[in-house]
Amino acid sequence: MPLLREAVEKKKKFIIQKLIQAGIYNVTDHEINSFTLSQLEIDYHYFIVQAKDLKTNKR
């Protein structure tokens, strides 16, 4: 498998795991595997990164 494709798949798996752990998607949501890396990164930043920022700035 080419190196770039491997890196993309590894990052997709990582982001999918984080989104599932956060309760954004379920393990049974099979369509998540068809999302592009860009789509997953958008969801990750919206639901996880921004949520962390809101929690830390919520004083």
N, C-alpha and C. Protein backbone atom coordinates (compact mmCIF):
# COMPACT_ATOMS: atom_id res chain seq x y z
N MET A 1 0.86 -1.18 0.00
CA MET A 1 0.00 0.00 0.00
C MET A 1 0.91 1.24 0.00
N PRO A 2 0.63 2.19 -0.87
CA PRO A 2 1.46 3.40 -0.90
C PRO A 2 1.45 4.14 0.44
N LEU A 3 2.54 4.80 0.70
CA LEU A 3 2.75 5.46 1.99
C LEU A 3 1.69 6.51 2.29
N LEU A 4 1.35 7.34 1.31
CA LEU A 4 0.36 8.39 1.53
C LEU A 4 -1.02 7.81 1.85
N ARG A 5 -1.41 6.80 1.11
CA ARG A 5 -2.71 6.16 1.35
C ARG A 5 -2.75 5.56 2.76
N GLU A 6 -1.65 4.96 3.17
CA GLU A 6 -1.56 4.39 4.52
C GLU A 6 -1.73 5.47 5.58
N ALA A 7 -1.08 6.60 5.38
CA ALA A 7 -1.16 7.70 6.34
C ALA A 7 -2.59 8.24 6.43
N VAL A 8 -3.25 8.37 5.29
CA VAL A 8 -4.62 8.87 5.26
C VAL A 8 -5.55 7.90 6.00
N GLU A 9 -5.41 6.62 5.72
CA GLU A 9 -6.27 5.62 6.37
C GLU A 9 -6.02 5.58 7.88
N LYS A 10 -4.78 5.72 8.29
CA LYS A 10 -4.46 5.71 9.71
C LYS A 10 -5.09 6.92 10.41
N LYS A 11 -5.01 8.08 9.77
CA LYS A 11 -5.59 9.29 10.36
C LYS A 11 -7.12 9.19 10.40
N LYS A 12 -7.72 8.63 9.33
CA LYS A 12 -9.17 8.44 9.32
C LYS A 12 -9.62 7.55 10.47
N LYS A 13 -8.89 6.45 10.69
CA LYS A 13 -9.24 5.53 11.78
C LYS A 13 -9.14 6.23 13.14
N PHE A 14 -8.10 7.03 13.31
CA PHE A 14 -7.90 7.77 14.56
C PHE A 14 -9.07 8.72 14.80
N ILE A 15 -9.43 9.50 13.78
CA ILE A 15 -10.51 10.48 13.94
C ILE A 15 -11.84 9.78 14.16
N ILE A 16 -12.09 8.69 13.44
CA ILE A 16 -13.33 7.94 13.62
C ILE A 16 -13.44 7.44 15.05
N GLN A 17 -12.34 6.90 15.58
CA GLN A 17 -12.34 6.43 16.98
C GLN A 17 -12.69 7.56 17.94
N LYS A 18 -12.09 8.73 17.74
CA LYS A 18 -12.34 9.87 18.63
C LYS A 18 -13.80 10.32 18.54
N LEU A 19 -14.36 10.34 17.33
CA LEU A 19 -15.76 10.74 17.17
C LEU A 19 -16.72 9.73 17.79
N ILE A 20 -16.38 8.46 17.70
CA ILE A 20 -17.20 7.42 18.33
C ILE A 20 -17.10 7.53 19.85
N GLN A 21 -15.90 7.72 20.37
CA GLN A 21 -15.71 7.86 21.82
C GLN A 21 -16.44 9.07 22.36
N ALA A 22 -16.54 10.12 21.57
CA ALA A 22 -17.23 11.33 22.00
C ALA A 22 -18.75 11.21 21.87
N GLY A 23 -19.22 10.12 21.27
CA GLY A 23 -20.66 9.91 21.12
C GLY A 23 -21.26 10.62 19.92
N ILE A 24 -20.43 11.12 19.03
CA ILE A 24 -20.92 11.79 17.83
C ILE A 24 -21.47 10.78 16.85
N TYR A 25 -20.78 9.67 16.71
CA TYR A 25 -21.22 8.57 15.85
C TYR A 25 -21.24 7.30 16.67
N ASN A 26 -22.00 6.32 16.19
CA ASN A 26 -22.05 5.00 16.82
C ASN A 26 -21.19 4.04 16.03
N VAL A 27 -20.77 2.98 16.69
CA VAL A 27 -19.98 1.95 16.03
C VAL A 27 -20.78 1.36 14.87
N THR A 28 -22.09 1.34 15.00
CA THR A 28 -22.94 0.75 13.97
C THR A 28 -23.18 1.68 12.78
N ASP A 29 -22.70 2.91 12.84
CA ASP A 29 -22.85 3.85 11.73
C ASP A 29 -21.81 3.52 10.66
N HIS A 30 -22.17 2.65 9.75
CA HIS A 30 -21.22 2.17 8.75
C HIS A 30 -20.89 3.24 7.71
N GLU A 31 -21.76 4.22 7.53
CA GLU A 31 -21.49 5.25 6.53
C GLU A 31 -20.29 6.12 6.90
N ILE A 32 -19.92 6.13 8.16
CA ILE A 32 -18.77 6.94 8.59
C ILE A 32 -17.49 6.50 7.87
N ASN A 33 -17.40 5.24 7.51
CA ASN A 33 -16.22 4.74 6.82
C ASN A 33 -16.11 5.25 5.38
N SER A 34 -17.22 5.74 4.84
CA SER A 34 -17.18 6.26 3.47
C SER A 34 -16.89 7.77 3.45
N PHE A 35 -16.82 8.40 4.61
CA PHE A 35 -16.51 9.83 4.66
C PHE A 35 -15.06 10.06 4.23
N THR A 36 -14.83 11.21 3.62
CA THR A 36 -13.46 11.57 3.27
C THR A 36 -12.73 12.06 4.52
N LEU A 37 -11.43 12.10 4.43
CA LEU A 37 -10.63 12.61 5.54
C LEU A 37 -11.02 14.05 5.84
N SER A 38 -11.28 14.83 4.82
CA SER A 38 -11.68 16.24 5.02
C SER A 38 -12.98 16.34 5.79
N GLN A 39 -13.96 15.51 5.44
CA GLN A 39 -15.25 15.53 6.15
C GLN A 39 -15.06 15.15 7.61
N LEU A 40 -14.26 14.14 7.86
CA LEU A 40 -14.01 13.71 9.23
C LEU A 40 -13.28 14.78 10.03
N GLU A 41 -12.31 15.45 9.41
CA GLU A 41 -11.58 16.50 10.10
C GLU A 41 -12.49 17.67 10.45
N ILE A 42 -13.44 17.99 9.58
CA ILE A 42 -14.39 19.07 9.87
C ILE A 42 -15.22 18.70 11.10
N ASP A 43 -15.75 17.48 11.13
CA ASP A 43 -16.54 17.02 12.29
C ASP A 43 -15.69 17.01 13.55
N TYR A 44 -14.46 16.53 13.44
CA TYR A 44 -13.55 16.45 14.58
C TYR A 44 -13.30 17.83 15.16
N HIS A 45 -12.99 18.78 14.31
CA HIS A 45 -12.72 20.13 14.80
C HIS A 45 -13.97 20.80 15.37
N TYR A 46 -15.11 20.55 14.74
CA TYR A 46 -16.35 21.16 15.22
C TYR A 46 -16.78 20.58 16.56
N PHE A 47 -16.82 19.26 16.66
CA PHE A 47 -17.37 18.62 17.85
C PHE A 47 -16.36 18.43 18.98
N ILE A 48 -15.10 18.25 18.66
CA ILE A 48 -14.13 17.93 19.70
C ILE A 48 -13.22 19.10 20.03
N VAL A 49 -12.59 19.68 19.05
CA VAL A 49 -11.65 20.77 19.31
C VAL A 49 -12.38 22.00 19.83
N GLN A 50 -13.45 22.40 19.15
CA GLN A 50 -14.19 23.58 19.61
C GLN A 50 -14.87 23.33 20.94
N ALA A 51 -15.33 22.12 21.18
CA ALA A 51 -15.96 21.81 22.46
C ALA A 51 -14.95 21.94 23.60
N LYS A 52 -13.72 21.50 23.37
CA LYS A 52 -12.68 21.65 24.39
C LYS A 52 -12.38 23.12 24.63
N ASP A 53 -12.33 23.90 23.56
CA ASP A 53 -12.08 25.34 23.68
C ASP A 53 -13.19 26.02 24.48
N LEU A 54 -14.43 25.63 24.24
CA LEU A 54 -15.55 26.22 24.96
C LEU A 54 -15.50 25.88 26.44
N LYS A 55 -15.12 24.64 26.75
CA LYS A 55 -15.04 24.23 28.14
C LYS A 55 -13.94 24.98 28.88
N THR A 56 -12.82 25.21 28.24
CA THR A 56 -11.71 25.89 28.91
C THR A 56 -11.94 27.39 29.02
N ASN A 57 -12.75 27.97 28.16
CA ASN A 57 -13.02 29.41 28.21
C ASN A 57 -14.31 29.73 28.93
N LYS A 58 -14.88 28.79 29.61
CA LYS A 58 -16.22 28.93 30.20
C LYS A 58 -16.15 29.44 31.64
N ARG A 59 -15.29 30.32 31.97
CA ARG A 59 -15.15 30.80 33.33
C ARG A 59 -16.11 31.85 33.65
